[in-house]
Amino acid sequence: MTFIRHLLFAATLVFAGAAFALDLDSAKSQGLVGEQPNGYLGVVKATSEAVELVSDVNEKRREAYQRIARENGISLEQVANLAGQKAIEKTPSGEYVKTPTGQWVTK
């Protein structure tokens, strides 16, 4: 159960964060960034703001994934991949996601 609780926490980080929720939502809706299968946000259309946002979000995600992995005795990659799968599943229509082959597509 602890793993599931932590994964839900990580999923929350995927979609929101107090400091950048509006910026993240706006960047997604504008097609600047999108979710990737590896659990991290990616830049779809490079702007300096999008690149900085992706860097900030991914740093926070990596920290959360590392903590969850450590607490559950699994790899960072396992946590990140599961979070990526969940993020892509929850991405609304019209926003970008990256396919396993590396192509950006609108969902």
C-alpha atoms as a PDB file:
ATOM      1  CA  MET A   1       0.000   0.000   0.000  1.00  0.00           C
ATOM      2  CA  THR A   2       2.844   2.405   0.705  1.00  0.00           C
ATOM      3  CA  PHE A   3       4.048   2.070  -2.885  1.00  0.00           C
ATOM      4  CA  ILE A   4       0.608   2.927  -4.237  1.00  0.00           C
ATOM      5  CA  ARG A   5       0.318   5.939  -1.937  1.00  0.00           C
ATOM      6  CA  HIS A   6       3.701   7.199  -3.068  1.00  0.00           C
ATOM      7  CA  LEU A   7       2.877   6.567  -6.703  1.00  0.00           C
ATOM      8  CA  LEU A   8      -0.294   8.601  -6.332  1.00  0.00           C
ATOM      9  CA  PHE A   9       1.794  11.382  -4.823  1.00  0.00           C
ATOM     10  CA  ALA A  10       4.148  11.215  -7.782  1.00  0.00           C
ATOM     11  CA  ALA A  11       1.192  11.312 -10.155  1.00  0.00           C
ATOM     12  CA  THR A  12       0.041  14.466  -8.407  1.00  0.00           C
ATOM     13  CA  LEU A  13       3.445  16.003  -9.114  1.00  0.00           C
ATOM     14  CA  VAL A  14       3.080  15.002 -12.739  1.00  0.00           C
ATOM     15  CA  PHE A  15       0.001  17.143 -13.154  1.00  0.00           C
ATOM     16  CA  ALA A  16       0.396  19.958 -10.665  1.00  0.00           C
ATOM     17  CA  GLY A  17       2.743  21.755  -8.387  1.00  0.00           C
ATOM     18  CA  ALA A  18       2.065  24.762  -6.237  1.00  0.00           C
ATOM     19  CA  ALA A  19       4.768  26.922  -7.787  1.00  0.00           C
ATOM     20  CA  PHE A  20       4.109  26.186 -11.448  1.00  0.00           C
ATOM     21  CA  ALA A  21       0.610  24.689 -11.856  1.00  0.00           C
ATOM     22  CA  LEU A  22      -0.726  27.478 -14.057  1.00  0.00           C
ATOM     23  CA  ASP A  23       2.451  27.679 -16.098  1.00  0.00           C
ATOM     24  CA  LEU A  24       2.503  23.910 -16.621  1.00  0.00           C
ATOM     25  CA  ASP A  25      -1.160  23.768 -17.592  1.00  0.00           C
ATOM     26  CA  SER A  26      -0.725  26.720 -19.906  1.00  0.00           C
ATOM     27  CA  ALA A  27       2.394  25.241 -21.522  1.00  0.00           C
ATOM     28  CA  LYS A  28       0.581  21.950 -22.096  1.00  0.00           C
ATOM     29  CA  SER A  29      -2.530  23.598 -23.533  1.00  0.00           C
ATOM     30  CA  GLN A  30      -0.376  25.740 -25.838  1.00  0.00           C
ATOM     31  CA  GLY A  31       1.393  22.643 -27.144  1.00  0.00           C
ATOM     32  CA  LEU A  32       4.800  23.692 -25.834  1.00  0.00           C
ATOM     33  CA  VAL A  33       5.376  20.646 -23.613  1.00  0.00           C
ATOM     34  CA  GLY A  34       4.062  17.114 -23.344  1.00  0.00           C
ATOM     35  CA  GLU A  35       4.239  13.913 -21.352  1.00  0.00           C
ATOM     36  CA  GLN A  36       6.716  11.163 -22.218  1.00  0.00           C
ATOM     37  CA  PRO A  37       6.652   7.395 -21.539  1.00  0.00           C
ATOM     38  CA  ASN A  38       9.762   7.744 -19.348  1.00  0.00           C
ATOM     39  CA  GLY A  39       7.833   9.745 -16.734  1.00  0.00           C
ATOM     40  CA  TYR A  40       9.349  13.095 -17.550  1.00  0.00           C
ATOM     41  CA  LEU A  41       8.002  16.160 -19.297  1.00  0.00           C
ATOM     42  CA  GLY A  42       9.399  16.944 -22.726  1.00  0.00           C
ATOM     43  CA  VAL A  43       9.701  20.088 -24.854  1.00  0.00           C
ATOM     44  CA  VAL A  44       7.510  19.966 -27.959  1.00  0.00           C
ATOM     45  CA  LYS A  45       8.142  23.520 -29.186  1.00  0.00           C
ATOM     46  CA  ALA A  46      11.310  25.045 -27.794  1.00  0.00           C
ATOM     47  CA  THR A  47      11.000  28.395 -26.120  1.00  0.00           C
ATOM     48  CA  SER A  48      13.214  29.533 -23.292  1.00  0.00           C
ATOM     49  CA  GLU A  49      10.234  29.441 -20.928  1.00  0.00           C
ATOM     50  CA  ALA A  50       9.263  25.907 -21.988  1.00  0.00           C
ATOM     51  CA  VAL A  51      12.822  24.628 -21.585  1.00  0.00           C
ATOM     52  CA  GLU A  52      13.117  26.175 -18.112  1.00  0.00           C
ATOM     53  CA  LEU A  53       9.722  24.825 -17.057  1.00  0.00           C
ATOM     54  CA  VAL A  54      10.568  21.304 -18.233  1.00  0.00           C
ATOM     55  CA  SER A  55      13.856  21.418 -16.357  1.00  0.00           C
ATOM     56  CA  ASP A  56      12.154  22.542 -13.129  1.00  0.00           C
ATOM     57  CA  VAL A  57       9.320  20.008 -13.361  1.00  0.00           C
ATOM     58  CA  ASN A  58      11.634  17.133 -14.233  1.00  0.00           C
ATOM     59  CA  GLU A  59      13.965  17.909 -11.341  1.00  0.00           C
ATOM     60  CA  LYS A  60      11.039  17.697  -8.910  1.00  0.00           C
ATOM     61  CA  ARG A  61       9.752  14.521 -10.552  1.00  0.00           C
ATOM     62  CA  ARG A  62      13.187  12.885 -10.385  1.00  0.00           C
ATOM     63  CA  GLU A  63      13.438  13.678  -6.671  1.00  0.00           C
ATOM     64  CA  ALA A  64       9.989  12.202  -6.011  1.00  0.00           C
ATOM     65  CA  TYR A  65      10.697   9.111  -8.127  1.00  0.00           C
ATOM     66  CA  GLN A  66      14.016   8.535  -6.334  1.00  0.00           C
ATOM     67  CA  ARG A  67      12.359   8.727  -2.946  1.00  0.00           C
ATOM     68  CA  ILE A  68       9.571   6.337  -3.976  1.00  0.00           C
ATOM     69  CA  ALA A  69      12.071   3.904  -5.496  1.00  0.00           C
ATOM     70  CA  ARG A  70      14.263   3.950  -2.398  1.00  0.00           C
ATOM     71  CA  GLU A  71      11.323   3.460  -0.030  1.00  0.00           C
ATOM     72  CA  ASN A  72       9.984   0.531  -2.054  1.00  0.00           C
ATOM     73  CA  GLY A  73      13.223  -1.176  -3.029  1.00  0.00           C
ATOM     74  CA  ILE A  74      12.681  -0.776  -6.750  1.00  0.00           C
ATOM     75  CA  SER A  75      14.545   1.090  -9.453  1.00  0.00           C
ATOM     76  CA  LEU A  76      14.135   4.735 -10.347  1.00  0.00           C
ATOM     77  CA  GLU A  77      13.413   3.629 -13.903  1.00  0.00           C
ATOM     78  CA  GLN A  78      10.531   1.396 -12.784  1.00  0.00           C
ATOM     79  CA  VAL A  79       8.895   4.242 -10.879  1.00  0.00           C
ATOM     80  CA  ALA A  80       9.454   6.758 -13.690  1.00  0.00           C
ATOM     81  CA  ASN A  81       8.094   4.439 -16.380  1.00  0.00           C
ATOM     82  CA  LEU A  82       4.966   3.652 -14.376  1.00  0.00           C
ATOM     83  CA  ALA A  83       4.432   7.365 -13.686  1.00  0.00           C
ATOM     84  CA  GLY A  84       4.895   8.088 -17.404  1.00  0.00           C
ATOM     85  CA  GLN A  85       2.312   5.490 -18.351  1.00  0.00           C
ATOM     86  CA  LYS A  86      -0.173   6.960 -15.855  1.00  0.00           C
ATOM     87  CA  ALA A  87       0.533  10.534 -17.011  1.00  0.00           C
ATOM     88  CA  ILE A  88      -0.063   9.639 -20.651  1.00  0.00           C
ATOM     89  CA  GLU A  89      -3.284   7.815 -19.760  1.00  0.00           C
ATOM     90  CA  LYS A  90      -4.537  10.902 -17.904  1.00  0.00           C
ATOM     91  CA  THR A  91      -3.467  13.451 -20.516  1.00  0.00           C
ATOM     92  CA  PRO A  92      -6.554  15.162 -21.936  1.00  0.00           C
ATOM     93  CA  SER A  93      -7.379  15.181 -25.627  1.00  0.00           C
ATOM     94  CA  GLY A  94      -5.604  17.879 -27.580  1.00  0.00           C
ATOM     95  CA  GLU A  95      -2.397  17.817 -25.537  1.00  0.00           C
ATOM     96  CA  TYR A  96       0.891  16.300 -26.669  1.00  0.00           C
ATOM     97  CA  VAL A  97       2.293  12.938 -25.650  1.00  0.00           C
ATOM     98  CA  LYS A  98       5.372  11.177 -26.959  1.00  0.00           C
ATOM     99  CA  THR A  99       4.949   7.720 -28.430  1.00  0.00           C
ATOM    100  CA  PRO A 100       7.357   4.898 -27.527  1.00  0.00           C
ATOM    101  CA  THR A 101       8.924   5.444 -30.971  1.00  0.00           C
ATOM    102  CA  GLY A 102       9.754   9.059 -30.083  1.00  0.00           C
ATOM    103  CA  GLN A 103       7.090  10.903 -32.070  1.00  0.00           C
ATOM    104  CA  TRP A 104       5.078  13.751 -30.552  1.00  0.00           C
ATOM    105  CA  VAL A 105       1.358  13.291 -31.198  1.00  0.00           C
ATOM    106  CA  THR A 106      -1.750  15.023 -29.941  1.00  0.00           C
ATOM    107  CA  LYS A 107      -3.888  12.752 -27.873  1.00  0.00           C
END
